[in-house]
Amino acid sequence: MKLSIGNLPQSLTDEQLKALLTPFGTVNSVTIKRDKLTKVSLGFGSADLEESAALKAIAGLNGKEVEGKAMVVVKQEDLANQHAQSNTTKSSPMNQKSPFGNAKTTGGTSTGVQRRGGQRGS
């Protein structure tokens, strides 16, 4: 079962996260998402465990403080379902009126940004 793990300290390594999960059962894989250029942790990741071990890990680690940050551990499918539901509700930003005034899309490629002076091109 895949777990999503969030609110991780930037100094935490994949090996340290695996060590936190190992007492709950067999850990198949662990990855912490990192910035492509700087390789700095983005503060979240995922882990693949057996189902019984995953449920124990959720119960044991969700809310546990690591270096002053309370970890968030949830099933990845629950997170995906919650994300899908939030996209279909009325409060979704896609269903709300644009906060940028009259965003008219008629008349070609006008973006509503007024340009002033100067010559275009070279």
Protein backbone atom coordinates (compact mmCIF):
# COMPACT_ATOMS: atom_id res chain seq x y z
CA MET A 1 0.00 0.00 0.00
CA LYS A 2 1.32 3.43 -0.92
CA LEU A 3 1.53 6.09 1.77
CA SER A 4 1.90 9.83 1.30
CA ILE A 5 4.05 11.44 3.96
CA GLY A 6 4.10 15.19 4.43
CA ASN A 7 5.49 17.96 6.63
CA LEU A 8 8.95 16.40 6.69
CA PRO A 9 12.03 18.35 7.80
CA GLN A 10 14.38 19.24 4.93
CA SER A 11 17.30 17.51 6.63
CA LEU A 12 15.56 14.10 6.71
CA THR A 13 17.06 11.53 4.31
CA ASP A 14 15.41 8.56 2.60
CA GLU A 15 17.31 6.20 4.91
CA GLN A 16 16.14 8.02 8.04
CA LEU A 17 12.52 7.92 6.84
CA LYS A 18 12.87 4.20 6.11
CA ALA A 19 14.24 3.71 9.64
CA LEU A 20 11.14 5.45 11.04
CA LEU A 21 8.85 3.13 9.04
CA THR A 22 10.71 -0.18 9.56
CA PRO A 23 9.36 -0.94 13.09
CA PHE A 24 5.85 -1.19 11.61
CA GLY A 25 6.73 -3.84 9.01
CA THR A 26 8.46 -4.49 5.71
CA VAL A 27 9.22 -1.33 3.74
CA ASN A 28 9.39 -1.93 -0.02
CA SER A 29 10.42 1.59 -1.08
CA VAL A 30 10.79 5.12 0.26
CA THR A 31 11.26 8.36 -1.68
CA ILE A 32 11.45 11.95 -0.53
CA LYS A 33 10.67 14.42 -3.30
CA ARG A 34 13.54 16.80 -3.99
CA ASP A 35 14.09 19.94 -6.04
CA LYS A 36 15.53 19.01 -9.43
CA LEU A 37 18.30 21.60 -9.37
CA THR A 38 19.30 21.98 -5.74
CA LYS A 39 18.38 18.45 -4.53
CA VAL A 40 16.87 20.03 -1.38
CA SER A 41 13.93 18.15 0.14
CA LEU A 42 10.50 19.55 -0.71
CA GLY A 43 9.13 18.29 2.62
CA PHE A 44 7.01 15.39 1.37
CA GLY A 45 7.41 11.92 -0.02
CA SER A 46 5.94 8.47 -0.38
CA ALA A 47 6.50 4.96 0.89
CA ASP A 48 5.33 1.52 -0.17
CA LEU A 49 4.54 -0.95 2.62
CA GLU A 50 2.45 -4.07 3.09
CA GLU A 51 -1.17 -3.21 3.93
CA SER A 52 -1.06 -4.21 7.61
CA ALA A 53 2.27 -2.43 8.10
CA ALA A 54 0.94 0.68 6.36
CA LEU A 55 -2.11 0.87 8.63
CA LYS A 56 0.13 0.50 11.69
CA ALA A 57 2.47 3.21 10.35
CA ILE A 58 -0.43 5.61 9.83
CA ALA A 59 -1.62 5.02 13.39
CA GLY A 60 1.88 5.29 14.85
CA LEU A 61 3.46 8.10 12.85
CA ASN A 62 0.64 10.48 11.89
CA GLY A 63 1.22 13.57 14.04
CA LYS A 64 4.57 12.35 15.41
CA GLU A 65 7.11 15.16 15.73
CA VAL A 66 10.38 14.80 13.85
CA GLU A 67 12.83 17.67 14.34
CA GLY A 68 10.00 19.91 15.56
CA LYS A 69 7.61 19.16 12.67
CA ALA A 70 4.49 17.00 13.04
CA MET A 71 4.49 14.39 10.24
CA VAL A 72 1.33 13.75 8.23
CA VAL A 73 0.92 10.14 7.09
CA VAL A 74 -2.08 9.10 4.95
CA LYS A 75 -3.01 6.51 2.34
CA GLN A 76 -2.11 7.79 -1.10
CA GLU A 77 -5.48 6.73 -2.54
CA ASP A 78 -7.35 8.67 0.18
CA LEU A 79 -5.31 11.74 -0.66
CA ALA A 80 -6.06 11.31 -4.38
CA ASN A 81 -9.80 10.89 -3.67
CA GLN A 82 -9.83 13.99 -1.47
CA HIS A 83 -8.04 15.96 -4.19
CA ALA A 84 -10.51 14.76 -6.83
CA GLN A 85 -13.48 15.73 -4.64
CA SER A 86 -12.09 19.18 -3.97
CA ASN A 87 -11.76 19.77 -7.72
CA THR A 88 -15.43 19.00 -8.33
CA THR A 89 -16.93 21.16 -5.60
CA LYS A 90 -18.42 24.59 -6.15
CA SER A 91 -15.67 26.27 -4.14
CA SER A 92 -13.07 25.19 -6.66
CA PRO A 93 -11.13 28.17 -8.03
CA MET A 94 -11.95 27.05 -11.58
CA ASN A 95 -15.66 27.60 -10.91
CA GLN A 96 -15.30 31.02 -9.34
CA LYS A 97 -15.41 34.41 -11.02
CA SER A 98 -12.03 35.76 -12.04
CA PRO A 99 -10.55 38.11 -9.42
CA PHE A 100 -8.91 40.13 -12.22
CA GLY A 101 -11.88 42.19 -13.32
CA ASN A 102 -13.55 41.66 -16.67
CA ALA A 103 -11.64 38.78 -18.16
CA LYS A 104 -13.14 38.74 -21.63
CA THR A 105 -11.82 36.14 -23.98
CA THR A 106 -13.53 37.35 -27.15
CA GLY A 107 -11.65 39.13 -29.89
CA GLY A 108 -8.53 37.07 -30.41
CA THR A 109 -5.52 36.83 -28.18
CA SER A 110 -6.15 39.75 -25.84
CA THR A 111 -5.05 38.92 -22.33
CA GLY A 112 -6.52 42.02 -20.72
CA VAL A 113 -3.05 43.46 -20.10
CA GLN A 114 -2.68 46.98 -21.41
CA ARG A 115 0.64 47.66 -23.08
CA ARG A 116 2.08 51.13 -23.25
CA GLY A 117 4.53 52.77 -25.60
CA GLY A 118 7.70 51.43 -27.10
CA GLN A 119 8.23 49.46 -30.25
CA ARG A 120 7.87 45.76 -30.47
CA GLY A 121 10.39 43.54 -32.11
CA SER A 122 13.81 44.37 -33.36
